[in-house]
Amino acid sequence: MEGQELNLEMNPDQLVLNRIRTPDGTILTSKSRHDYQIHIDDNGLEYMVDGGLDYLRRNVHKDAPYEELSVTLGDGFNKVREALEWGSFGKEGQHDLIYKPVCQMSNAHIDAILDNNLGADFVRGVLEHEWLYREKNDIVIED
C-alpha cells in the first residue's frame, strides 16, 4: 500500500478540500456547506468559493481564471492525507478552532475520533487508512 489507493467502496468524487487560488495568489477555502468565502483580487474582480465538502460553487472570469486546488478521494491517499483537515479546539485553555491535516494529527487524536465514531463515514475511512499507513511506515505523532 504505497498510500495511493483508498477503499474503492468510497466515492472517488467525494471532496476532501474545497479551495482555489486567485490570480493574485490569495487562497480561498470553504470548510463547510455554507462557508461562503469571497475576495476582491488585485485585478478588481471578485472571486468566491462555497460548498465545503458537499459541493463546489465558484464564480468564473474567463479572462482571469482562478487555479483549482480542490482535492477528492480519487486523487490518491498521499494527496488526501495532506489535504483533509480536522478542526479541533485542542487541549484545555485553547479557545480558537485550529485545523490540522490528517498527516499532522497525533495518533491519540486519531484514536479519539475513531473510538468516538466522530465525523462522516469517508473521514473515518481516511483515518483508518492513515492508521494502516502509519503502522506500515513506523510513524508515531505525539500530542
N, C-alpha and C. Protein backbone atom coordinates (compact mmCIF):
# COMPACT_ATOMS: atom_id res chain seq x y z
N MET A 1 0.85 -1.19 0.00
CA MET A 1 0.00 0.00 0.00
C MET A 1 0.89 1.24 0.00
N GLU A 2 1.27 1.71 -1.09
CA GLU A 2 2.09 2.91 -1.15
C GLU A 2 1.27 4.15 -0.83
N GLY A 3 0.07 3.93 -0.29
CA GLY A 3 -0.75 5.07 0.08
C GLY A 3 -1.45 5.71 -1.09
N GLN A 4 -1.49 5.03 -2.24
CA GLN A 4 -2.09 5.64 -3.41
C GLN A 4 -3.57 5.32 -3.57
N GLU A 5 -4.02 4.19 -3.06
CA GLU A 5 -5.40 3.78 -3.28
C GLU A 5 -6.17 3.80 -1.97
N LEU A 6 -7.31 4.41 -1.97
CA LEU A 6 -8.22 4.34 -0.84
C LEU A 6 -9.23 3.25 -1.13
N ASN A 7 -9.96 2.85 -0.13
CA ASN A 7 -11.00 1.84 -0.26
C ASN A 7 -11.90 2.19 -1.44
N LEU A 8 -12.01 1.28 -2.40
CA LEU A 8 -12.78 1.54 -3.60
C LEU A 8 -14.27 1.68 -3.33
N GLU A 9 -14.73 1.28 -2.14
CA GLU A 9 -16.13 1.45 -1.80
C GLU A 9 -16.46 2.92 -1.51
N MET A 10 -15.43 3.72 -1.28
CA MET A 10 -15.65 5.15 -1.05
C MET A 10 -15.83 5.84 -2.40
N ASN A 11 -16.62 6.88 -2.41
CA ASN A 11 -16.89 7.66 -3.62
C ASN A 11 -15.64 8.45 -4.01
N PRO A 12 -15.01 8.15 -5.15
CA PRO A 12 -13.79 8.87 -5.53
C PRO A 12 -14.02 10.35 -5.80
N ASP A 13 -15.29 10.75 -6.01
CA ASP A 13 -15.60 12.17 -6.24
C ASP A 13 -15.84 12.95 -4.95
N GLN A 14 -15.81 12.27 -3.81
CA GLN A 14 -16.04 12.93 -2.53
C GLN A 14 -14.97 13.99 -2.29
N LEU A 15 -15.39 15.23 -2.07
CA LEU A 15 -14.45 16.31 -1.78
C LEU A 15 -13.80 16.12 -0.42
N VAL A 16 -12.51 16.39 -0.34
CA VAL A 16 -11.81 16.45 0.94
C VAL A 16 -11.20 17.84 1.16
N LEU A 17 -11.18 18.65 0.10
CA LEU A 17 -10.70 20.03 0.19
C LEU A 17 -11.36 20.83 -0.92
N ASN A 18 -11.95 21.97 -0.56
CA ASN A 18 -12.63 22.86 -1.50
C ASN A 18 -11.86 24.18 -1.49
N ARG A 19 -10.98 24.37 -2.48
CA ARG A 19 -10.05 25.51 -2.43
C ARG A 19 -9.69 25.98 -3.83
N ILE A 20 -9.48 27.30 -3.96
CA ILE A 20 -8.95 27.89 -5.18
C ILE A 20 -7.83 28.88 -4.83
N ARG A 21 -7.02 29.22 -5.84
CA ARG A 21 -6.04 30.29 -5.73
C ARG A 21 -6.40 31.32 -6.78
N THR A 22 -6.59 32.57 -6.35
CA THR A 22 -6.95 33.64 -7.27
C THR A 22 -5.69 34.10 -8.01
N PRO A 23 -5.85 34.88 -9.09
CA PRO A 23 -4.67 35.34 -9.84
C PRO A 23 -3.63 36.08 -9.00
N ASP A 24 -4.05 36.79 -7.93
CA ASP A 24 -3.05 37.50 -7.12
C ASP A 24 -2.43 36.59 -6.04
N GLY A 25 -2.80 35.30 -6.05
CA GLY A 25 -2.20 34.34 -5.12
C GLY A 25 -2.98 34.08 -3.86
N THR A 26 -4.11 34.75 -3.69
CA THR A 26 -4.93 34.55 -2.49
C THR A 26 -5.58 33.17 -2.55
N ILE A 27 -5.52 32.46 -1.43
CA ILE A 27 -6.13 31.14 -1.30
C ILE A 27 -7.48 31.30 -0.61
N LEU A 28 -8.52 30.76 -1.24
CA LEU A 28 -9.87 30.76 -0.65
C LEU A 28 -10.27 29.31 -0.40
N THR A 29 -10.71 29.01 0.82
CA THR A 29 -11.11 27.66 1.21
C THR A 29 -12.49 27.72 1.85
N SER A 30 -13.38 26.84 1.42
CA SER A 30 -14.69 26.69 2.05
C SER A 30 -14.66 25.39 2.85
N LYS A 31 -14.86 25.48 4.17
CA LYS A 31 -14.73 24.33 5.05
C LYS A 31 -16.05 23.64 5.35
N SER A 32 -17.18 24.34 5.17
CA SER A 32 -18.48 23.73 5.44
C SER A 32 -19.48 24.17 4.39
N ARG A 33 -20.63 23.51 4.36
CA ARG A 33 -21.62 23.68 3.29
C ARG A 33 -21.92 25.15 2.96
N HIS A 34 -22.13 25.98 3.93
CA HIS A 34 -22.49 27.39 3.66
C HIS A 34 -21.38 28.34 4.10
N ASP A 35 -20.14 27.90 3.94
CA ASP A 35 -18.98 28.72 4.28
C ASP A 35 -18.54 29.47 3.03
N TYR A 36 -19.26 30.55 2.72
CA TYR A 36 -19.08 31.36 1.52
C TYR A 36 -17.90 32.30 1.74
N GLN A 37 -16.85 32.14 0.95
CA GLN A 37 -15.65 32.97 1.07
C GLN A 37 -15.50 33.80 -0.20
N ILE A 38 -15.24 35.10 -0.02
CA ILE A 38 -15.04 35.97 -1.18
C ILE A 38 -13.74 36.76 -1.04
N HIS A 39 -13.24 37.21 -2.18
CA HIS A 39 -12.02 38.01 -2.21
C HIS A 39 -12.07 38.90 -3.45
N ILE A 40 -11.76 40.18 -3.27
CA ILE A 40 -11.58 41.08 -4.40
C ILE A 40 -10.10 41.02 -4.76
N ASP A 41 -9.83 40.47 -5.93
CA ASP A 41 -8.47 40.25 -6.39
C ASP A 41 -7.81 41.57 -6.77
N ASP A 42 -6.50 41.56 -6.87
CA ASP A 42 -5.77 42.74 -7.32
C ASP A 42 -6.22 43.20 -8.70
N ASN A 43 -6.80 42.28 -9.49
CA ASN A 43 -7.29 42.64 -10.82
C ASN A 43 -8.67 43.31 -10.77
N GLY A 44 -9.21 43.50 -9.55
CA GLY A 44 -10.50 44.17 -9.37
C GLY A 44 -11.71 43.24 -9.45
N LEU A 45 -11.50 41.98 -9.76
CA LEU A 45 -12.60 41.02 -9.89
C LEU A 45 -12.85 40.30 -8.57
N GLU A 46 -14.12 39.97 -8.35
CA GLU A 46 -14.48 39.22 -7.15
C GLU A 46 -14.42 37.72 -7.43
N TYR A 47 -13.77 37.00 -6.52
CA TYR A 47 -13.70 35.54 -6.59
C TYR A 47 -14.39 34.99 -5.35
N MET A 48 -15.03 33.82 -5.52
CA MET A 48 -15.70 33.20 -4.39
C MET A 48 -15.60 31.70 -4.45
N VAL A 49 -15.71 31.10 -3.27
CA VAL A 49 -15.74 29.65 -3.12
C VAL A 49 -16.78 29.35 -2.05
N ASP A 50 -17.54 28.27 -2.24
CA ASP A 50 -18.61 27.89 -1.31
C ASP A 50 -18.87 26.40 -1.44
N GLY A 51 -19.51 25.83 -0.45
CA GLY A 51 -19.97 24.45 -0.52
C GLY A 51 -19.28 23.48 0.40
N GLY A 52 -18.17 23.89 1.02
CA GLY A 52 -17.47 22.97 1.91
C GLY A 52 -17.12 21.68 1.19
N LEU A 53 -17.38 20.57 1.86
CA LEU A 53 -17.09 19.26 1.27
C LEU A 53 -18.32 18.66 0.61
N ASP A 54 -19.40 19.45 0.50
CA ASP A 54 -20.63 18.96 -0.11
C ASP A 54 -20.72 19.25 -1.61
N TYR A 55 -20.24 20.41 -2.04
CA TYR A 55 -20.31 20.77 -3.46
C TYR A 55 -19.34 21.91 -3.74
N LEU A 56 -18.99 22.07 -5.02
CA LEU A 56 -18.14 23.19 -5.46
C LEU A 56 -19.03 24.27 -6.03
N ARG A 57 -18.85 25.49 -5.55
CA ARG A 57 -19.54 26.65 -6.11
C ARG A 57 -18.49 27.73 -6.30
N ARG A 58 -18.47 28.29 -7.50
CA ARG A 58 -17.48 29.29 -7.88
C ARG A 58 -18.14 30.38 -8.72
N ASN A 59 -17.44 31.50 -8.88
CA ASN A 59 -17.76 32.41 -9.97
C ASN A 59 -16.59 32.34 -10.95
N VAL A 60 -16.89 32.56 -12.23
CA VAL A 60 -15.89 32.33 -13.27
C VAL A 60 -15.61 33.63 -14.01
N HIS A 61 -14.33 33.90 -14.21
CA HIS A 61 -13.88 35.03 -15.02
C HIS A 61 -12.98 34.44 -16.10
N LYS A 62 -13.51 34.31 -17.31
CA LYS A 62 -12.77 33.63 -18.38
C LYS A 62 -11.44 34.32 -18.71
N ASP A 63 -11.39 35.65 -18.58
CA ASP A 63 -10.17 36.38 -18.90
C ASP A 63 -9.16 36.40 -17.75
N ALA A 64 -9.59 35.97 -16.56
CA ALA A 64 -8.70 35.96 -15.39
C ALA A 64 -9.09 34.77 -14.50
N PRO A 65 -8.82 33.56 -14.97
CA PRO A 65 -9.27 32.37 -14.23
C PRO A 65 -8.51 32.15 -12.92
N TYR A 66 -9.20 31.48 -12.01
CA TYR A 66 -8.58 31.05 -10.76
C TYR A 66 -7.91 29.70 -11.01
N GLU A 67 -7.08 29.28 -10.06
CA GLU A 67 -6.47 27.94 -10.12
C GLU A 67 -7.24 27.03 -9.16
N GLU A 68 -7.72 25.92 -9.66
CA GLU A 68 -8.46 24.97 -8.83
C GLU A 68 -7.48 24.16 -7.99
N LEU A 69 -7.68 24.16 -6.68
CA LEU A 69 -6.80 23.43 -5.76
C LEU A 69 -7.55 22.34 -4.99
N SER A 70 -8.81 22.10 -5.34
CA SER A 70 -9.62 21.13 -4.62
C SER A 70 -9.05 19.73 -4.77
N VAL A 71 -9.36 18.88 -3.77
CA VAL A 71 -8.89 17.50 -3.73
C VAL A 71 -10.09 16.60 -3.46
N THR A 72 -10.12 15.45 -4.14
CA THR A 72 -11.15 14.44 -3.90
C THR A 72 -10.49 13.14 -3.46
N LEU A 73 -11.29 12.20 -2.96
CA LEU A 73 -10.76 10.89 -2.57
C LEU A 73 -10.07 10.20 -3.74
N GLY A 74 -10.51 10.48 -4.95
CA GLY A 74 -9.92 9.87 -6.13
C GLY A 74 -8.52 10.35 -6.46
N ASP A 75 -8.04 11.38 -5.76
CA ASP A 75 -6.71 11.92 -6.03
C ASP A 75 -5.58 11.12 -5.38
N GLY A 76 -5.92 10.05 -4.66
CA GLY A 76 -4.89 9.21 -4.05
C GLY A 76 -4.63 9.57 -2.60
N PHE A 77 -4.25 8.55 -1.84
CA PHE A 77 -4.13 8.71 -0.40
C PHE A 77 -3.09 9.74 0.02
N ASN A 78 -1.93 9.76 -0.63
CA ASN A 78 -0.90 10.72 -0.22
C ASN A 78 -1.40 12.15 -0.30
N LYS A 79 -2.12 12.46 -1.35
CA LYS A 79 -2.67 13.81 -1.50
C LYS A 79 -3.80 14.06 -0.50
N VAL A 80 -4.63 13.04 -0.29
CA VAL A 80 -5.77 13.17 0.63
C VAL A 80 -5.30 13.39 2.06
N ARG A 81 -4.29 12.66 2.52
CA ARG A 81 -3.84 12.78 3.91
C ARG A 81 -3.22 14.16 4.19
N GLU A 82 -2.77 14.84 3.14
CA GLU A 82 -2.25 16.19 3.31
C GLU A 82 -3.34 17.26 3.18
N ALA A 83 -4.44 16.91 2.52
CA ALA A 83 -5.49 17.89 2.23
C ALA A 83 -6.66 17.86 3.21
N LEU A 84 -7.06 16.66 3.66
CA LEU A 84 -8.21 16.54 4.55
C LEU A 84 -7.83 17.07 5.92
N GLU A 85 -8.62 18.03 6.42
CA GLU A 85 -8.32 18.66 7.71
C GLU A 85 -9.42 18.36 8.71
N TRP A 86 -9.03 18.32 9.99
CA TRP A 86 -9.95 18.14 11.09
C TRP A 86 -9.79 19.36 12.00
N GLY A 87 -10.91 19.97 12.36
CA GLY A 87 -10.89 21.12 13.25
C GLY A 87 -11.01 20.70 14.70
N SER A 88 -10.23 21.33 15.56
CA SER A 88 -10.23 20.98 16.97
C SER A 88 -9.92 22.21 17.81
N PHE A 89 -10.50 22.22 19.01
CA PHE A 89 -10.16 23.25 19.98
C PHE A 89 -8.99 22.81 20.84
N GLY A 90 -8.52 21.60 20.65
CA GLY A 90 -7.32 21.12 21.32
C GLY A 90 -7.48 20.93 22.80
N LYS A 91 -6.41 21.16 23.50
CA LYS A 91 -6.35 20.94 24.94
C LYS A 91 -7.03 22.08 25.69
N GLU A 92 -7.21 21.87 27.00
CA GLU A 92 -7.85 22.89 27.84
C GLU A 92 -7.15 24.24 27.69
N GLY A 93 -7.94 25.29 27.71
CA GLY A 93 -7.40 26.63 27.63
C GLY A 93 -7.29 27.17 26.22
N GLN A 94 -7.40 26.33 25.24
CA GLN A 94 -7.34 26.78 23.85
C GLN A 94 -8.76 27.12 23.40
N HIS A 95 -8.94 28.31 22.87
CA HIS A 95 -10.29 28.75 22.51
C HIS A 95 -10.50 28.90 21.01
N ASP A 96 -9.43 28.86 20.24
CA ASP A 96 -9.55 29.03 18.79
C ASP A 96 -9.61 27.66 18.11
N LEU A 97 -10.51 27.57 17.14
CA LEU A 97 -10.61 26.35 16.35
C LEU A 97 -9.40 26.29 15.42
N ILE A 98 -8.66 25.20 15.51
CA ILE A 98 -7.46 25.02 14.71
C ILE A 98 -7.65 23.79 13.83
N TYR A 99 -7.33 23.94 12.54
CA TYR A 99 -7.45 22.83 11.59
C TYR A 99 -6.07 22.25 11.34
N LYS A 100 -6.01 20.92 11.33
CA LYS A 100 -4.77 20.21 11.01
C LYS A 100 -5.08 19.17 9.95
N PRO A 101 -4.15 18.99 9.00
CA PRO A 101 -4.33 17.90 8.04
C PRO A 101 -4.12 16.56 8.74
N VAL A 102 -4.75 15.52 8.22
CA VAL A 102 -4.65 14.18 8.80
C VAL A 102 -3.19 13.79 9.02
N CYS A 103 -2.32 14.11 8.09
CA CYS A 103 -0.92 13.70 8.18
C CYS A 103 -0.18 14.34 9.36
N GLN A 104 -0.75 15.38 9.98
CA GLN A 104 -0.12 16.04 11.12
C GLN A 104 -0.84 15.79 12.44
N MET A 105 -1.95 15.08 12.39
CA MET A 105 -2.69 14.80 13.62
C MET A 105 -1.95 13.77 14.46
N SER A 106 -2.06 13.92 15.79
CA SER A 106 -1.42 12.94 16.66
C SER A 106 -2.15 11.61 16.58
N ASN A 107 -1.43 10.55 16.90
CA ASN A 107 -2.04 9.23 16.93
C ASN A 107 -3.19 9.20 17.94
N ALA A 108 -3.00 9.85 19.09
CA ALA A 108 -4.04 9.87 20.12
C ALA A 108 -5.29 10.59 19.62
N HIS A 109 -5.11 11.64 18.86
CA HIS A 109 -6.27 12.39 18.34
C HIS A 109 -7.05 11.53 17.35
N ILE A 110 -6.33 10.85 16.47
CA ILE A 110 -7.00 9.96 15.52
C ILE A 110 -7.74 8.85 16.26
N ASP A 111 -7.09 8.29 17.28
CA ASP A 111 -7.73 7.26 18.10
C ASP A 111 -9.04 7.77 18.70
N ALA A 112 -9.00 8.98 19.25
CA ALA A 112 -10.19 9.54 19.91
C ALA A 112 -11.34 9.72 18.92
N ILE A 113 -11.03 10.18 17.73
CA ILE A 113 -12.06 10.37 16.71
C ILE A 113 -12.68 9.03 16.33
N LEU A 114 -11.82 8.03 16.09
CA LEU A 114 -12.32 6.72 15.69
C LEU A 114 -13.06 6.02 16.83
N ASP A 115 -12.52 6.12 18.06
CA ASP A 115 -13.16 5.48 19.21
C ASP A 115 -14.54 6.05 19.50
N ASN A 116 -14.71 7.34 19.22
CA ASN A 116 -16.00 8.01 19.49
C ASN A 116 -16.88 8.09 18.25
N ASN A 117 -16.45 7.43 17.17
CA ASN A 117 -17.24 7.36 15.93
C ASN A 117 -17.64 8.75 15.42
N LEU A 118 -16.68 9.68 15.44
CA LEU A 118 -16.94 11.05 15.01
C LEU A 118 -16.68 11.20 13.51
N GLY A 119 -17.27 12.22 12.92
CA GLY A 119 -17.03 12.54 11.53
C GLY A 119 -17.83 11.68 10.57
N ALA A 120 -17.81 12.09 9.33
CA ALA A 120 -18.51 11.36 8.27
C ALA A 120 -17.82 10.03 8.00
N ASP A 121 -18.55 9.11 7.40
CA ASP A 121 -18.00 7.79 7.10
C ASP A 121 -16.70 7.88 6.30
N PHE A 122 -16.67 8.75 5.29
CA PHE A 122 -15.46 8.83 4.46
C PHE A 122 -14.28 9.36 5.25
N VAL A 123 -14.54 10.25 6.22
CA VAL A 123 -13.45 10.79 7.06
C VAL A 123 -12.89 9.66 7.93
N ARG A 124 -13.77 8.88 8.55
CA ARG A 124 -13.29 7.76 9.35
C ARG A 124 -12.52 6.76 8.49
N GLY A 125 -12.98 6.56 7.25
CA GLY A 125 -12.26 5.66 6.34
C GLY A 125 -10.85 6.16 6.06
N VAL A 126 -10.71 7.46 5.86
CA VAL A 126 -9.38 8.04 5.63
C VAL A 126 -8.52 7.88 6.89
N LEU A 127 -9.11 8.12 8.06
CA LEU A 127 -8.36 7.99 9.31
C LEU A 127 -7.93 6.54 9.55
N GLU A 128 -8.79 5.59 9.23
CA GLU A 128 -8.42 4.18 9.36
C GLU A 128 -7.27 3.84 8.40
N HIS A 129 -7.34 4.38 7.20
CA HIS A 129 -6.27 4.18 6.22
C HIS A 129 -4.98 4.82 6.72
N GLU A 130 -5.09 5.97 7.36
CA GLU A 130 -3.92 6.64 7.94
C GLU A 130 -3.25 5.75 8.98
N TRP A 131 -4.07 5.08 9.81
CA TRP A 131 -3.51 4.16 10.81
C TRP A 131 -2.69 3.08 10.15
N LEU A 132 -3.24 2.46 9.10
CA LEU A 132 -2.51 1.41 8.38
C LEU A 132 -1.21 1.95 7.79
N TYR A 133 -1.28 3.14 7.22
CA TYR A 133 -0.11 3.79 6.63
C TYR A 133 0.96 4.03 7.69
N ARG A 134 0.54 4.53 8.86
CA ARG A 134 1.50 4.80 9.93
C ARG A 134 2.11 3.51 10.47
N GLU A 135 1.30 2.49 10.62
CA GLU A 135 1.83 1.20 11.10
C GLU A 135 2.87 0.67 10.12
N LYS A 136 2.56 0.71 8.84
CA LYS A 136 3.48 0.18 7.82
C LYS A 136 4.77 0.98 7.76
N ASN A 137 4.68 2.28 8.02
CA ASN A 137 5.85 3.17 7.88
C ASN A 137 6.45 3.59 9.23
N ASP A 138 6.02 2.92 10.31
CA ASP A 138 6.54 3.22 11.66
C ASP A 138 6.46 4.71 11.99
N ILE A 139 5.30 5.30 11.75
CA ILE A 139 5.08 6.72 12.03
C ILE A 139 4.28 6.85 13.32
N VAL A 140 4.80 7.61 14.27
CA VAL A 140 4.07 7.93 15.50
C VAL A 140 4.15 9.44 15.68
N ILE A 141 3.01 10.06 15.83
CA ILE A 141 2.97 11.50 16.09
C ILE A 141 2.36 11.70 17.47
N GLU A 142 3.13 12.29 18.38
CA GLU A 142 2.68 12.53 19.75
C GLU A 142 1.91 13.85 19.82
N ASP A 143 1.13 14.00 20.89
CA ASP A 143 0.39 15.26 21.14
C ASP A 143 1.37 16.41 21.34
